[in-house]
PDB file of N, CA and C in Angstrom:
ATOM      1  N   MET A   1       0.839  -1.181   0.000  1.00  0.00           N
ATOM      2  CA  MET A   1       0.000   0.000   0.000  1.00  0.00           C
ATOM      3  C   MET A   1       0.878   1.236   0.000  1.00  0.00           C
ATOM      4  N   LYS A   2       0.447   2.209  -0.744  1.00  0.00           N
ATOM      5  CA  LYS A   2       1.216   3.450  -0.779  1.00  0.00           C
ATOM      6  C   LYS A   2       1.048   4.220   0.527  1.00  0.00           C
ATOM      7  N   LYS A   3       2.087   4.945   0.860  1.00  0.00           N
ATOM      8  CA  LYS A   3       2.098   5.703   2.113  1.00  0.00           C
ATOM      9  C   LYS A   3       0.921   6.679   2.182  1.00  0.00           C
ATOM     10  N   GLU A   4       0.605   7.327   1.080  1.00  0.00           N
ATOM     11  CA  GLU A   4      -0.485   8.312   1.056  1.00  0.00           C
ATOM     12  C   GLU A   4      -1.832   7.643   1.329  1.00  0.00           C
ATOM     13  N   LEU A   5      -2.031   6.469   0.752  1.00  0.00           N
ATOM     14  CA  LEU A   5      -3.284   5.748   0.951  1.00  0.00           C
ATOM     15  C   LEU A   5      -3.429   5.322   2.408  1.00  0.00           C
ATOM     16  N   ILE A   6      -2.350   4.843   2.988  1.00  0.00           N
ATOM     17  CA  ILE A   6      -2.371   4.440   4.397  1.00  0.00           C
ATOM     18  C   ILE A   6      -2.699   5.637   5.282  1.00  0.00           C
ATOM     19  N   GLN A   7      -2.079   6.782   4.998  1.00  0.00           N
ATOM     20  CA  GLN A   7      -2.344   7.980   5.787  1.00  0.00           C
ATOM     21  C   GLN A   7      -3.797   8.427   5.641  1.00  0.00           C
ATOM     22  N   GLU A   8      -4.337   8.328   4.432  1.00  0.00           N
ATOM     23  CA  GLU A   8      -5.733   8.707   4.189  1.00  0.00           C
ATOM     24  C   GLU A   8      -6.684   7.785   4.962  1.00  0.00           C
ATOM     25  N   LEU A   9      -6.428   6.488   4.895  1.00  0.00           N
ATOM     26  CA  LEU A   9      -7.269   5.530   5.620  1.00  0.00           C
ATOM     27  C   LEU A   9      -7.163   5.738   7.125  1.00  0.00           C
ATOM     28  N   PHE A  10      -5.964   6.034   7.601  1.00  0.00           N
ATOM     29  CA  PHE A  10      -5.766   6.281   9.027  1.00  0.00           C
ATOM     30  C   PHE A  10      -6.582   7.486   9.479  1.00  0.00           C
ATOM     31  N   LYS A  11      -6.568   8.561   8.698  1.00  0.00           N
ATOM     32  CA  LYS A  11      -7.338   9.764   9.037  1.00  0.00           C
ATOM     33  C   LYS A  11      -8.836   9.451   9.063  1.00  0.00           C
ATOM     34  N   LYS A  12      -9.303   8.690   8.091  1.00  0.00           N
ATOM     35  CA  LYS A  12     -10.725   8.318   8.059  1.00  0.00           C
ATOM     36  C   LYS A  12     -11.080   7.462   9.270  1.00  0.00           C
ATOM     37  N   PHE A  13     -10.201   6.525   9.598  1.00  0.00           N
ATOM     38  CA  PHE A  13     -10.425   5.662  10.747  1.00  0.00           C
ATOM     39  C   PHE A  13     -10.514   6.483  12.029  1.00  0.00           C
ATOM     40  N   GLU A  14      -9.573   7.381  12.218  1.00  0.00           N
ATOM     41  CA  GLU A  14      -9.550   8.220  13.416  1.00  0.00           C
ATOM     42  C   GLU A  14     -10.768   9.139  13.480  1.00  0.00           C
ATOM     43  N   SER A  15     -11.212   9.655  12.339  1.00  0.00           N
ATOM     44  CA  SER A  15     -12.365  10.559  12.352  1.00  0.00           C
ATOM     45  C   SER A  15     -13.677   9.808  12.586  1.00  0.00           C
ATOM     46  N   ALA A  16     -13.694   8.493  12.342  1.00  0.00           N
ATOM     47  CA  ALA A  16     -14.898   7.698  12.568  1.00  0.00           C
ATOM     48  C   ALA A  16     -15.067   7.334  14.040  1.00  0.00           C
ATOM     49  N   GLY A  17     -14.021   7.466  14.823  1.00  0.00           N
ATOM     50  CA  GLY A  17     -14.088   7.118  16.232  1.00  0.00           C
ATOM     51  C   GLY A  17     -14.781   8.196  17.047  1.00  0.00           C
ATOM     52  N   TYR A  18     -15.265   7.805  18.209  1.00  0.00           N
ATOM     53  CA  TYR A  18     -15.869   8.758  19.133  1.00  0.00           C
ATOM     54  C   TYR A  18     -15.594   8.286  20.555  1.00  0.00           C
ATOM     55  N   ILE A  19     -15.820   9.183  21.500  1.00  0.00           N
ATOM     56  CA  ILE A  19     -15.573   8.880  22.908  1.00  0.00           C
ATOM     57  C   ILE A  19     -16.912   8.630  23.588  1.00  0.00           C
ATOM     58  N   LEU A  20     -17.026   7.472  24.245  1.00  0.00           N
ATOM     59  CA  LEU A  20     -18.234   7.120  24.980  1.00  0.00           C
ATOM     60  C   LEU A  20     -17.812   6.731  26.391  1.00  0.00           C
ATOM     61  N   ASN A  21     -18.258   7.499  27.350  1.00  0.00           N
ATOM     62  CA  ASN A  21     -17.901   7.260  28.753  1.00  0.00           C
ATOM     63  C   ASN A  21     -16.385   7.168  28.945  1.00  0.00           C
ATOM     64  N   GLY A  22     -15.662   8.027  28.242  1.00  0.00           N
ATOM     65  CA  GLY A  22     -14.211   8.087  28.376  1.00  0.00           C
ATOM     66  C   GLY A  22     -13.451   7.010  27.625  1.00  0.00           C
ATOM     67  N   ILE A  23     -14.156   6.228  26.794  1.00  0.00           N
ATOM     68  CA  ILE A  23     -13.517   5.144  26.048  1.00  0.00           C
ATOM     69  C   ILE A  23     -13.653   5.415  24.557  1.00  0.00           C
ATOM     70  N   GLU A  24     -12.548   5.261  23.834  1.00  0.00           N
ATOM     71  CA  GLU A  24     -12.565   5.452  22.389  1.00  0.00           C
ATOM     72  C   GLU A  24     -13.264   4.270  21.723  1.00  0.00           C
ATOM     73  N   CYS A  25     -14.247   4.562  20.872  1.00  0.00           N
ATOM     74  CA  CYS A  25     -15.068   3.520  20.244  1.00  0.00           C
ATOM     75  C   CYS A  25     -15.234   3.776  18.754  1.00  0.00           C
ATOM     76  N   TRP A  26     -15.594   2.713  18.036  1.00  0.00           N
ATOM     77  CA  TRP A  26     -15.933   2.806  16.622  1.00  0.00           C
ATOM     78  C   TRP A  26     -17.190   1.986  16.381  1.00  0.00           C
ATOM     79  N   SER A  27     -18.028   2.443  15.510  1.00  0.00           N
ATOM     80  CA  SER A  27     -19.220   1.701  15.126  1.00  0.00           C
ATOM     81  C   SER A  27     -18.855   0.714  14.020  1.00  0.00           C
ATOM     82  N   ALA A  28     -19.257  -0.537  14.180  1.00  0.00           N
ATOM     83  CA  ALA A  28     -18.967  -1.547  13.155  1.00  0.00           C
ATOM     84  C   ALA A  28     -19.608  -1.159  11.825  1.00  0.00           C
ATOM     85  N   ARG A  29     -20.792  -0.586  11.880  1.00  0.00           N
ATOM     86  CA  ARG A  29     -21.467  -0.178  10.639  1.00  0.00           C
ATOM     87  C   ARG A  29     -20.657   0.890   9.904  1.00  0.00           C
ATOM     88  N   GLU A  30     -20.068   1.813  10.648  1.00  0.00           N
ATOM     89  CA  GLU A  30     -19.244   2.850  10.017  1.00  0.00           C
ATOM     90  C   GLU A  30     -17.936   2.255   9.488  1.00  0.00           C
ATOM     91  N   LEU A  31     -17.346   1.346  10.250  1.00  0.00           N
ATOM     92  CA  LEU A  31     -16.106   0.709   9.799  1.00  0.00           C
ATOM     93  C   LEU A  31     -16.356  -0.153   8.561  1.00  0.00           C
ATOM     94  N   GLN A  32     -17.527  -0.749   8.491  1.00  0.00           N
ATOM     95  CA  GLN A  32     -17.883  -1.572   7.332  1.00  0.00           C
ATOM     96  C   GLN A  32     -17.727  -0.767   6.046  1.00  0.00           C
ATOM     97  N   VAL A  33     -18.286   0.408   6.031  1.00  0.00           N
ATOM     98  CA  VAL A  33     -18.216   1.276   4.846  1.00  0.00           C
ATOM     99  C   VAL A  33     -16.781   1.748   4.627  1.00  0.00           C
ATOM    100  N   LEU A  34     -16.143   2.176   5.703  1.00  0.00           N
ATOM    101  CA  LEU A  34     -14.775   2.687   5.620  1.00  0.00           C
ATOM    102  C   LEU A  34     -13.816   1.653   5.032  1.00  0.00           C
ATOM    103  N   LEU A  35     -14.027   0.381   5.382  1.00  0.00           N
ATOM    104  CA  LEU A  35     -13.140  -0.681   4.914  1.00  0.00           C
ATOM    105  C   LEU A  35     -13.581  -1.296   3.592  1.00  0.00           C
ATOM    106  N   GLY A  36     -14.652  -0.762   3.011  1.00  0.00           N
ATOM    107  CA  GLY A  36     -15.053  -1.169   1.670  1.00  0.00           C
ATOM    108  C   GLY A  36     -15.959  -2.385   1.573  1.00  0.00           C
ATOM    109  N   TYR A  37     -16.604  -2.754   2.673  1.00  0.00           N
ATOM    110  CA  TYR A  37     -17.539  -3.875   2.634  1.00  0.00           C
ATOM    111  C   TYR A  37     -18.937  -3.343   2.336  1.00  0.00           C
ATOM    112  N   SER A  38     -19.534  -3.816   1.259  1.00  0.00           N
ATOM    113  CA  SER A  38     -20.867  -3.334   0.903  1.00  0.00           C
ATOM    114  C   SER A  38     -21.972  -4.094   1.629  1.00  0.00           C
ATOM    115  N   LYS A  39     -21.690  -5.317   2.057  1.00  0.00           N
ATOM    116  CA  LYS A  39     -22.701  -6.132   2.725  1.00  0.00           C
ATOM    117  C   LYS A  39     -22.292  -6.440   4.165  1.00  0.00           C
ATOM    118  N   TRP A  40     -23.240  -6.260   5.072  1.00  0.00           N
ATOM    119  CA  TRP A  40     -23.000  -6.554   6.476  1.00  0.00           C
ATOM    120  C   TRP A  40     -22.644  -8.026   6.665  1.00  0.00           C
ATOM    121  N   GLU A  41     -23.278  -8.910   5.898  1.00  0.00           N
ATOM    122  CA  GLU A  41     -23.039 -10.344   6.020  1.00  0.00           C
ATOM    123  C   GLU A  41     -21.568 -10.696   5.813  1.00  0.00           C
ATOM    124  N   ASN A  42     -20.902  -9.971   4.943  1.00  0.00           N
ATOM    125  CA  ASN A  42     -19.478 -10.207   4.705  1.00  0.00           C
ATOM    126  C   ASN A  42     -18.613  -9.602   5.812  1.00  0.00           C
ATOM    127  N   PHE A  43     -19.019  -8.446   6.291  1.00  0.00           N
ATOM    128  CA  PHE A  43     -18.220  -7.765   7.307  1.00  0.00           C
ATOM    129  C   PHE A  43     -18.317  -8.464   8.660  1.00  0.00           C
ATOM    130  N   ILE A  44     -19.462  -9.046   8.972  1.00  0.00           N
ATOM    131  CA  ILE A  44     -19.606  -9.717  10.263  1.00  0.00           C
ATOM    132  C   ILE A  44     -18.631 -10.878  10.369  1.00  0.00           C
ATOM    133  N   LYS A  45     -18.272 -11.480   9.235  1.00  0.00           N
ATOM    134  CA  LYS A  45     -17.280 -12.560   9.236  1.00  0.00           C
ATOM    135  C   LYS A  45     -15.918 -12.034   9.698  1.00  0.00           C
ATOM    136  N   VAL A  46     -15.590 -10.819   9.293  1.00  0.00           N
ATOM    137  CA  VAL A  46     -14.337 -10.184   9.703  1.00  0.00           C
ATOM    138  C   VAL A  46     -14.362  -9.906  11.206  1.00  0.00           C
ATOM    139  N   ILE A  47     -15.495  -9.442  11.689  1.00  0.00           N
ATOM    140  CA  ILE A  47     -15.636  -9.175  13.124  1.00  0.00           C
ATOM    141  C   ILE A  47     -15.488 -10.471  13.916  1.00  0.00           C
ATOM    142  N   ASP A  48     -16.111 -11.534  13.431  1.00  0.00           N
ATOM    143  CA  ASP A  48     -15.995 -12.824  14.119  1.00  0.00           C
ATOM    144  C   ASP A  48     -14.548 -13.302  14.174  1.00  0.00           C
ATOM    145  N   LYS A  49     -13.793 -13.099  13.098  1.00  0.00           N
ATOM    146  CA  LYS A  49     -12.377 -13.479  13.086  1.00  0.00           C
ATOM    147  C   LYS A  49     -11.584 -12.633  14.092  1.00  0.00           C
ATOM    148  N   ALA A  50     -11.924 -11.359  14.166  1.00  0.00           N
ATOM    149  CA  ALA A  50     -11.239 -10.475  15.116  1.00  0.00           C
ATOM    150  C   ALA A  50     -11.552 -10.895  16.553  1.00  0.00           C
ATOM    151  N   LYS A  51     -12.782 -11.309  16.815  1.00  0.00           N
ATOM    152  CA  LYS A  51     -13.142 -11.793  18.142  1.00  0.00           C
ATOM    153  C   LYS A  51     -12.360 -13.059  18.488  1.00  0.00           C
ATOM    154  N   GLU A  52     -12.226 -13.946  17.522  1.00  0.00           N
ATOM    155  CA  GLU A  52     -11.469 -15.183  17.738  1.00  0.00           C
ATOM    156  C   GLU A  52     -10.000 -14.867  18.036  1.00  0.00           C
ATOM    157  N   SER A  53      -9.429 -13.922  17.314  1.00  0.00           N
ATOM    158  CA  SER A  53      -8.042 -13.509  17.567  1.00  0.00           C
ATOM    159  C   SER A  53      -7.902 -12.929  18.971  1.00  0.00           C
ATOM    160  N   CYS A  54      -8.904 -12.191  19.383  1.00  0.00           N
ATOM    161  CA  CYS A  54      -8.912 -11.610  20.723  1.00  0.00           C
ATOM    162  C   CYS A  54      -8.897 -12.724  21.777  1.00  0.00           C
ATOM    163  N   ARG A  55      -9.743 -13.745  21.587  1.00  0.00           N
ATOM    164  CA  ARG A  55      -9.784 -14.896  22.498  1.00  0.00           C
ATOM    165  C   ARG A  55      -8.438 -15.620  22.523  1.00  0.00           C
ATOM    166  N   ASN A  56      -7.872 -15.829  21.334  1.00  0.00           N
ATOM    167  CA  ASN A  56      -6.588 -16.527  21.232  1.00  0.00           C
ATOM    168  C   ASN A  56      -5.456 -15.767  21.916  1.00  0.00           C
ATOM    169  N   ALA A  57      -5.617 -14.454  22.008  1.00  0.00           N
ATOM    170  CA  ALA A  57      -4.604 -13.631  22.673  1.00  0.00           C
ATOM    171  C   ALA A  57      -4.829 -13.577  24.184  1.00  0.00           C
ATOM    172  N   GLY A  58      -5.866 -14.287  24.648  1.00  0.00           N
ATOM    173  CA  GLY A  58      -6.139 -14.319  26.080  1.00  0.00           C
ATOM    174  C   GLY A  58      -6.922 -13.130  26.584  1.00  0.00           C
ATOM    175  N   GLU A  59      -7.495 -12.380  25.679  1.00  0.00           N
ATOM    176  CA  GLU A  59      -8.279 -11.204  26.060  1.00  0.00           C
ATOM    177  C   GLU A  59      -9.751 -11.573  26.227  1.00  0.00           C
ATOM    178  N   GLU A  60     -10.446 -10.801  27.036  1.00  0.00           N
ATOM    179  CA  GLU A  60     -11.886 -10.972  27.209  1.00  0.00           C
ATOM    180  C   GLU A  60     -12.583 -10.252  26.048  1.00  0.00           C
ATOM    181  N   VAL A  61     -13.255 -11.015  25.214  1.00  0.00           N
ATOM    182  CA  VAL A  61     -13.868 -10.464  23.996  1.00  0.00           C
ATOM    183  C   VAL A  61     -14.838  -9.338  24.319  1.00  0.00           C
ATOM    184  N   THR A  62     -15.634  -9.504  25.372  1.00  0.00           N
ATOM    185  CA  THR A  62     -16.630  -8.483  25.697  1.00  0.00           C
ATOM    186  C   THR A  62     -16.001  -7.157  26.130  1.00  0.00           C
ATOM    187  N   ASP A  63     -14.724  -7.182  26.508  1.00  0.00           N
ATOM    188  CA  ASP A  63     -14.027  -5.938  26.837  1.00  0.00           C
ATOM    189  C   ASP A  63     -13.709  -5.124  25.578  1.00  0.00           C
ATOM    190  N   HIS A  64     -13.655  -5.796  24.442  1.00  0.00           N
ATOM    191  CA  HIS A  64     -13.250  -5.138  23.197  1.00  0.00           C
ATOM    192  C   HIS A  64     -14.359  -5.080  22.153  1.00  0.00           C
ATOM    193  N   PHE A  65     -15.349  -5.963  22.269  1.00  0.00           N
ATOM    194  CA  PHE A  65     -16.438  -6.032  21.298  1.00  0.00           C
ATOM    195  C   PHE A  65     -17.788  -6.086  22.006  1.00  0.00           C
ATOM    196  N   PRO A  66     -18.228  -4.954  22.521  1.00  0.00           N
ATOM    197  CA  PRO A  66     -19.551  -4.986  23.152  1.00  0.00           C
ATOM    198  C   PRO A  66     -20.623  -5.189  22.083  1.00  0.00           C
ATOM    199  N   ASP A  67     -21.557  -6.072  22.359  1.00  0.00           N
ATOM    200  CA  ASP A  67     -22.624  -6.319  21.393  1.00  0.00           C
ATOM    201  C   ASP A  67     -23.732  -5.289  21.555  1.00  0.00           C
ATOM    202  N   VAL A  68     -23.509  -4.145  20.959  1.00  0.00           N
ATOM    203  CA  VAL A  68     -24.488  -3.069  20.971  1.00  0.00           C
ATOM    204  C   VAL A  68     -25.223  -3.125  19.654  1.00  0.00           C
ATOM    205  N   ARG A  69     -26.512  -3.120  19.716  1.00  0.00           N
ATOM    206  CA  ARG A  69     -27.314  -3.203  18.502  1.00  0.00           C
ATOM    207  C   ARG A  69     -27.932  -1.848  18.191  1.00  0.00           C
ATOM    208  N   LYS A  70     -27.750  -1.413  16.985  1.00  0.00           N
ATOM    209  CA  LYS A  70     -28.375  -0.176  16.526  1.00  0.00           C
ATOM    210  C   LYS A  70     -29.761  -0.544  16.012  1.00  0.00           C
ATOM    211  N   THR A  71     -30.755   0.092  16.559  1.00  0.00           N
ATOM    212  CA  THR A  71     -32.109  -0.204  16.116  1.00  0.00           C
ATOM    213  C   THR A  71     -32.615   0.912  15.221  1.00  0.00           C
ATOM    214  N   ILE A  72     -33.484   0.544  14.330  1.00  0.00           N
ATOM    215  CA  ILE A  72     -34.099   1.523  13.454  1.00  0.00           C
ATOM    216  C   ILE A  72     -35.598   1.451  13.660  1.00  0.00           C
ATOM    217  N   PRO A  73     -36.294   2.571  13.462  1.00  0.00           N
ATOM    218  CA  PRO A  73     -37.743   2.554  13.654  1.00  0.00           C
ATOM    219  C   PRO A  73     -38.416   1.624  12.645  1.00  0.00           C
ATOM    220  N   MET A  74     -39.438   0.934  13.111  1.00  0.00           N
ATOM    221  CA  MET A  74     -40.198   0.043  12.246  1.00  0.00           C
ATOM    222  C   MET A  74     -41.111   0.896  11.360  1.00  0.00           C
ATOM    223  N   PRO A  75     -41.183   0.595  10.056  1.00  0.00           N
ATOM    224  CA  PRO A  75     -42.093   1.348   9.190  1.00  0.00           C
ATOM    225  C   PRO A  75     -43.530   1.236   9.683  1.00  0.00           C
ATOM    226  N   LYS A  76     -44.301   2.293   9.504  1.00  0.00           N
ATOM    227  CA  LYS A  76     -45.678   2.344   9.998  1.00  0.00           C
ATOM    228  C   LYS A  76     -46.518   1.190   9.466  1.00  0.00           C
ATOM    229  N   THR A  77     -46.310   0.805   8.198  1.00  0.00           N
ATOM    230  CA  THR A  77     -47.101  -0.284   7.632  1.00  0.00           C
ATOM    231  C   THR A  77     -46.852  -1.578   8.374  1.00  0.00           C
ATOM    232  N   HIS A  78     -45.623  -1.818   8.780  1.00  0.00           N
ATOM    233  CA  HIS A  78     -45.294  -3.024   9.535  1.00  0.00           C
ATOM    234  C   HIS A  78     -45.834  -2.950  10.958  1.00  0.00           C
ATOM    235  N   GLN A  79     -45.842  -1.744  11.535  1.00  0.00           N
ATOM    236  CA  GLN A  79     -46.396  -1.579  12.878  1.00  0.00           C
ATOM    237  C   GLN A  79     -47.875  -1.942  12.872  1.00  0.00           C
ATOM    238  N   LYS A  80     -48.607  -1.486  11.853  1.00  0.00           N
ATOM    239  CA  LYS A  80     -50.039  -1.777  11.762  1.00  0.00           C
ATOM    240  C   LYS A  80     -50.276  -3.273  11.593  1.00  0.00           C
ATOM    241  N   LYS A  81     -49.475  -3.931  10.734  1.00  0.00           N
ATOM    242  CA  LYS A  81     -49.620  -5.382  10.538  1.00  0.00           C
ATOM    243  C   LYS A  81     -49.341  -6.119  11.843  1.00  0.00           C
ATOM    244  N   LEU A  82     -48.316  -5.694  12.575  1.00  0.00           N
ATOM    245  CA  LEU A  82     -47.973  -6.333  13.833  1.00  0.00           C
ATOM    246  C   LEU A  82     -49.104  -6.173  14.846  1.00  0.00           C
ATOM    247  N   MET A  83     -49.687  -4.998  14.903  1.00  0.00           N
ATOM    248  CA  MET A  83     -50.793  -4.766  15.829  1.00  0.00           C
ATOM    249  C   MET A  83     -51.988  -5.639  15.483  1.00  0.00           C
ATOM    250  N   LYS A  84     -52.274  -5.813  14.190  1.00  0.00           N
ATOM    251  CA  LYS A  84     -53.384  -6.665  13.766  1.00  0.00           C
ATOM    252  C   LYS A  84     -53.124  -8.114  14.172  1.00  0.00           C
ATOM    253  N   LYS A  85     -51.879  -8.586  13.987  1.00  0.00           N
ATOM    254  CA  LYS A  85     -51.530  -9.952  14.371  1.00  0.00           C
ATOM    255  C   LYS A  85     -51.688 -10.139  15.878  1.00  0.00           C
ATOM    256  N   LYS A  86     -51.249  -9.158  16.656  1.00  0.00           N
ATOM    257  CA  LYS A  86     -51.384  -9.246  18.108  1.00  0.00           C
ATOM    258  C   LYS A  86     -52.852  -9.288  18.510  1.00  0.00           C
ATOM    259  N   ALA A  87     -53.680  -8.511  17.817  1.00  0.00           N
ATOM    260  CA  ALA A  87     -55.109  -8.487  18.132  1.00  0.00           C
ATOM    261  C   ALA A  87     -55.731  -9.856  17.885  1.00  0.00           C
ATOM    262  N   VAL A  88     -55.318 -10.512  16.808  1.00  0.00           N
ATOM    263  CA  VAL A  88     -55.848 -11.842  16.521  1.00  0.00           C
ATOM    264  C   VAL A  88     -55.354 -12.850  17.554  1.00  0.00           C
ATOM    265  N   ILE A  89     -54.055 -12.785  17.873  1.00  0.00           N
ATOM    266  CA  ILE A  89     -53.478 -13.735  18.830  1.00  0.00           C
ATOM    267  C   ILE A  89     -54.061 -13.566  20.226  1.00  0.00           C
ATOM    268  N   PHE A  90     -54.210 -12.330  20.666  1.00  0.00           N
ATOM    269  CA  PHE A  90     -54.661 -12.059  22.035  1.00  0.00           C
ATOM    270  C   PHE A  90     -56.149 -11.758  22.114  1.00  0.00           C
ATOM    271  N   GLY A  91     -56.874 -11.991  21.056  1.00  0.00           N
ATOM    272  CA  GLY A  91     -58.321 -11.799  21.066  1.00  0.00           C
ATOM    273  C   GLY A  91     -58.747 -10.359  21.302  1.00  0.00           C
ATOM    274  N   GLY A  92     -57.984  -9.437  20.755  1.00  0.00           N
ATOM    275  CA  GLY A  92     -58.338  -8.026  20.856  1.00  0.00           C
ATOM    276  C   GLY A  92     -57.757  -7.327  22.073  1.00  0.00           C
ATOM    277  N   ASP A  93     -57.130  -8.058  22.986  1.00  0.00           N
ATOM    278  CA  ASP A  93     -56.532  -7.451  24.182  1.00  0.00           C
ATOM    279  C   ASP A  93     -55.085  -7.071  23.908  1.00  0.00           C
ATOM    280  N   VAL A  94     -54.905  -5.976  23.180  1.00  0.00           N
ATOM    281  CA  VAL A  94     -53.547  -5.547  22.820  1.00  0.00           C
ATOM    282  C   VAL A  94     -53.141  -4.386  23.700  1.00  0.00           C
TER     283      VAL A  94
END
């Protein structure tokens, strides 16, 4: 890799980080894009390998890879369908 490319990637990596409760963190979703993975399914394999390396090094995986899930709002159409299903299952007591 050329020195300029490495420096550019390093700057992007550093700018993607943030401080949470005094700890430097990165979002896997942001790193996915930064590292050129278009599909989460492919990137999660990389994360799993990194977790395995962490275990092999004798480190506690949860200290380095907290399983934080980013949630997104459910579309209104799906909310309505879910409510209808609950009404049928619970006999209208939703």
